[in-house]
């Protein structure tokens, strides 16, 4: 796992941003708000991880909006939609290391060639920072979850509706039915 990162002036500025943002290329990049379905899916991933953590008493489930620091040439932070973390406590500040598992849930504007390149670069950054598994969750695709691992970063394992997804080796023993990512009723 990567070593703890010193708090730079840019990180201090990031901590004051209202909303979700990351430091990429030496700049604070604010992220779009998400909608109903992506938010629901991210919440289900967090909820399932949290239940697993309560059973195993290992690691920590982290919900959307948290910041994880890293020390890469062109990136200083991540803010996944859900994550599993096993590093040292971040106290009141950001988590001092990258999560071992990160889930990135696509929103309505997360499509197209430019976005695919950006997401591929972000996965590469996650792996360079010590993350073991990254889920690319696409609720509009038959291939709902593409599981990328640091051991095979260009060969995702695909999980579809009706299947059970996992995040080995990052979250040993944890499983999530893909169908749980889809709201079954409306208010």
Protein backbone atom coordinates (compact mmCIF):
# COMPACT_ATOMS: atom_id res chain seq x y z
CA UNK A 1 0.00 0.00 0.00
CA UNK A 2 1.18 3.53 -0.70
CA UNK A 3 2.65 5.60 2.09
CA UNK A 4 0.73 8.37 3.83
CA UNK A 5 0.65 11.65 1.92
CA UNK A 6 1.62 15.05 3.31
CA UNK A 7 -1.13 17.68 3.30
CA UNK A 8 -0.28 20.17 0.55
CA UNK A 9 -1.90 23.59 0.10
CA UNK A 10 -3.90 22.09 -2.79
CA UNK A 11 -5.21 19.31 -0.54
CA UNK A 12 -6.15 21.92 2.08
CA UNK A 13 -8.06 23.79 -0.63
CA UNK A 14 -9.76 20.55 -1.75
CA UNK A 15 -10.94 19.91 1.81
CA UNK A 16 -12.91 23.18 1.66
CA UNK A 17 -14.74 22.37 -1.58
CA UNK A 18 -18.46 21.81 -1.19
CA UNK A 19 -19.33 18.71 -3.15
CA UNK A 20 -17.23 16.03 -4.74
CA UNK A 21 -13.83 16.78 -6.29
CA UNK A 22 -10.40 15.27 -6.92
CA UNK A 23 -6.91 16.61 -7.55
CA UNK A 24 -5.81 15.64 -11.05
CA UNK A 25 -3.01 17.22 -13.05
CA UNK A 26 -2.26 19.69 -10.27
CA UNK A 27 -5.80 21.10 -10.34
CA UNK A 28 -8.98 20.58 -8.38
CA UNK A 29 -11.48 18.89 -10.66
CA UNK A 30 -15.06 19.17 -9.42
CA UNK A 31 -17.33 16.23 -10.22
CA UNK A 32 -20.95 16.30 -11.32
CA UNK A 33 -23.78 15.52 -8.98
CA UNK A 34 -25.30 12.12 -9.63
CA UNK A 35 -28.85 11.04 -10.26
CA UNK A 36 -31.35 8.62 -8.76
CA UNK A 37 -30.21 5.29 -10.18
CA UNK A 38 -26.43 5.79 -9.87
CA UNK A 39 -26.85 7.10 -6.33
CA UNK A 40 -29.00 4.11 -5.40
CA UNK A 41 -26.43 1.68 -6.82
CA UNK A 42 -23.54 3.35 -4.97
CA UNK A 43 -25.57 3.25 -1.76
CA UNK A 44 -26.29 -0.46 -2.19
CA UNK A 45 -22.60 -1.20 -2.69
CA UNK A 46 -21.73 0.77 0.46
CA UNK A 47 -24.54 -0.84 2.47
CA UNK A 48 -23.49 -4.34 1.46
CA UNK A 49 -19.84 -3.59 2.23
CA UNK A 50 -20.81 -2.15 5.61
CA UNK A 51 -22.77 -5.29 6.50
CA UNK A 52 -19.77 -7.39 5.49
CA UNK A 53 -17.43 -5.24 7.62
CA UNK A 54 -19.75 -5.64 10.62
CA UNK A 55 -19.65 -9.42 10.19
CA UNK A 56 -15.90 -9.73 9.66
CA UNK A 57 -14.75 -6.80 11.81
CA UNK A 58 -12.13 -6.08 9.13
CA UNK A 59 -11.49 -2.89 7.17
CA UNK A 60 -13.95 -0.08 6.64
CA UNK A 61 -16.78 0.48 4.17
CA UNK A 62 -16.69 4.02 2.80
CA UNK A 63 -19.58 5.87 1.19
CA UNK A 64 -19.68 8.42 -1.61
CA UNK A 65 -18.12 11.80 -0.96
CA UNK A 66 -15.02 10.62 0.93
CA UNK A 67 -11.55 11.67 -0.20
CA UNK A 68 -8.53 9.38 -0.42
CA UNK A 69 -5.06 10.84 -0.80
CA UNK A 70 -2.37 9.40 -3.06
CA UNK A 71 1.01 10.49 -4.28
CA UNK A 72 1.22 10.10 -8.04
CA UNK A 73 2.90 12.46 -10.52
CA UNK A 74 -0.46 13.67 -11.91
CA UNK A 75 -2.97 12.82 -9.17
CA UNK A 76 -3.21 13.54 -5.44
CA UNK A 77 -6.66 12.21 -4.60
CA UNK A 78 -9.61 9.97 -5.42
CA UNK A 79 -13.28 10.20 -4.50
CA UNK A 80 -14.97 6.91 -5.46
CA UNK A 81 -18.70 6.28 -5.22
CA UNK A 82 -18.12 3.49 -2.69
CA UNK A 83 -14.95 1.90 -1.34
CA UNK A 84 -13.36 -0.57 1.05
CA UNK A 85 -10.40 0.72 3.04
CA UNK A 86 -7.83 -1.11 5.17
CA UNK A 87 -5.21 1.59 5.78
CA UNK A 88 -4.60 3.92 8.71
CA UNK A 89 -7.33 6.21 10.02
CA UNK A 90 -7.71 9.62 8.44
CA UNK A 91 -9.05 11.27 11.59
CA UNK A 92 -11.09 14.33 10.51
CA UNK A 93 -9.23 14.72 7.21
CA UNK A 94 -9.12 12.60 4.11
CA UNK A 95 -8.09 8.97 4.19
CA UNK A 96 -4.27 9.02 3.98
CA UNK A 97 -4.07 6.15 1.46
CA UNK A 98 -6.03 4.79 -1.46
CA UNK A 99 -8.75 2.20 -0.85
CA UNK A 100 -8.07 -1.45 -1.72
CA UNK A 101 -11.45 -1.55 -3.52
CA UNK A 102 -13.17 1.31 -5.34
CA UNK A 103 -16.53 1.38 -7.09
CA UNK A 104 -17.11 4.00 -9.77
CA UNK A 105 -20.79 4.20 -10.79
CA UNK A 106 -21.43 5.89 -14.12
CA UNK A 107 -23.80 8.84 -14.28
CA UNK A 108 -25.75 9.97 -17.32
CA UNK A 109 -22.81 11.92 -18.79
CA UNK A 110 -20.21 9.16 -18.28
CA UNK A 111 -20.26 7.86 -21.85
CA UNK A 112 -18.28 8.37 -25.05
CA UNK A 113 -14.68 7.89 -26.22
CA UNK A 114 -13.23 10.76 -24.19
CA UNK A 115 -14.90 9.48 -21.00
CA UNK A 116 -13.64 5.94 -21.68
CA UNK A 117 -10.06 7.26 -21.90
CA UNK A 118 -10.53 9.26 -18.68
CA UNK A 119 -11.94 6.23 -16.83
CA UNK A 120 -9.13 3.98 -18.09
CA UNK A 121 -6.56 6.52 -16.86
CA UNK A 122 -8.31 6.77 -13.49
CA UNK A 123 -8.23 2.97 -13.11
CA UNK A 124 -4.52 2.99 -13.95
CA UNK A 125 -4.05 5.68 -11.30
CA UNK A 126 -5.95 3.63 -8.73
CA UNK A 127 -3.70 0.63 -9.41
CA UNK A 128 -0.53 2.75 -9.29
CA UNK A 129 -1.69 4.06 -5.90
CA UNK A 130 -2.22 0.56 -4.47
CA UNK A 131 -5.90 -0.17 -5.15
CA UNK A 132 -6.39 -3.87 -5.91
CA UNK A 133 -9.86 -3.88 -7.54
CA UNK A 134 -11.95 -1.23 -9.29
CA UNK A 135 -15.55 -1.77 -10.35
CA UNK A 136 -16.85 0.19 -13.34
CA UNK A 137 -20.62 0.07 -12.75
CA UNK A 138 -22.75 0.81 -15.80
CA UNK A 139 -26.48 0.55 -15.10
CA UNK A 140 -27.35 1.13 -18.79
CA UNK A 141 -25.31 -1.80 -20.07
CA UNK A 142 -26.02 -5.54 -20.06
CA UNK A 143 -22.49 -5.89 -18.66
CA UNK A 144 -23.38 -4.08 -15.45
CA UNK A 145 -20.12 -4.45 -13.53
CA UNK A 146 -16.70 -4.60 -15.13
CA UNK A 147 -14.29 -5.74 -12.41
CA UNK A 148 -10.75 -4.57 -13.10
CA UNK A 149 -7.92 -5.87 -10.95
CA UNK A 150 -4.35 -4.71 -10.52
CA UNK A 151 -3.24 -8.21 -11.58
CA UNK A 152 -5.11 -7.93 -14.93
CA UNK A 153 -5.87 -4.22 -15.45
CA UNK A 154 -6.88 -4.57 -19.11
CA UNK A 155 -8.96 -7.75 -18.83
CA UNK A 156 -12.10 -7.08 -16.80
CA UNK A 157 -14.29 -9.78 -15.37
CA UNK A 158 -17.91 -9.03 -16.29
CA UNK A 159 -20.96 -9.43 -14.03
CA UNK A 160 -24.50 -9.21 -15.43
CA UNK A 161 -28.01 -9.12 -13.94
CA UNK A 162 -28.82 -12.43 -12.25
CA UNK A 163 -25.16 -12.96 -11.31
CA UNK A 164 -23.25 -12.47 -8.07
CA UNK A 165 -20.35 -9.99 -8.20
CA UNK A 166 -17.25 -10.13 -6.06
CA UNK A 167 -14.15 -8.01 -5.46
CA UNK A 168 -11.46 -10.60 -4.75
CA UNK A 169 -8.70 -10.22 -3.64
CA UNK A 170 -9.48 -6.74 -2.28
CA UNK A 171 -12.52 -7.75 -0.22
CA UNK A 172 -12.12 -11.49 0.51
CA UNK A 173 -15.42 -13.33 0.79
CA UNK A 174 -17.69 -10.36 0.03
CA UNK A 175 -20.32 -10.85 -2.65
CA UNK A 176 -23.13 -8.68 -4.03
CA UNK A 177 -26.03 -9.71 -6.27
CA UNK A 178 -25.89 -7.50 -9.36
CA UNK A 179 -29.68 -7.15 -9.21
CA UNK A 180 -29.31 -5.32 -5.86
CA UNK A 181 -27.97 -2.31 -7.76
CA UNK A 182 -31.34 -1.68 -9.35
CA UNK A 183 -34.20 -0.09 -7.40
CA UNK A 184 -37.15 -2.45 -7.35
CA UNK A 185 -39.79 0.07 -6.35
CA UNK A 186 -40.44 3.76 -6.67
CA UNK A 187 -41.68 6.14 -3.98
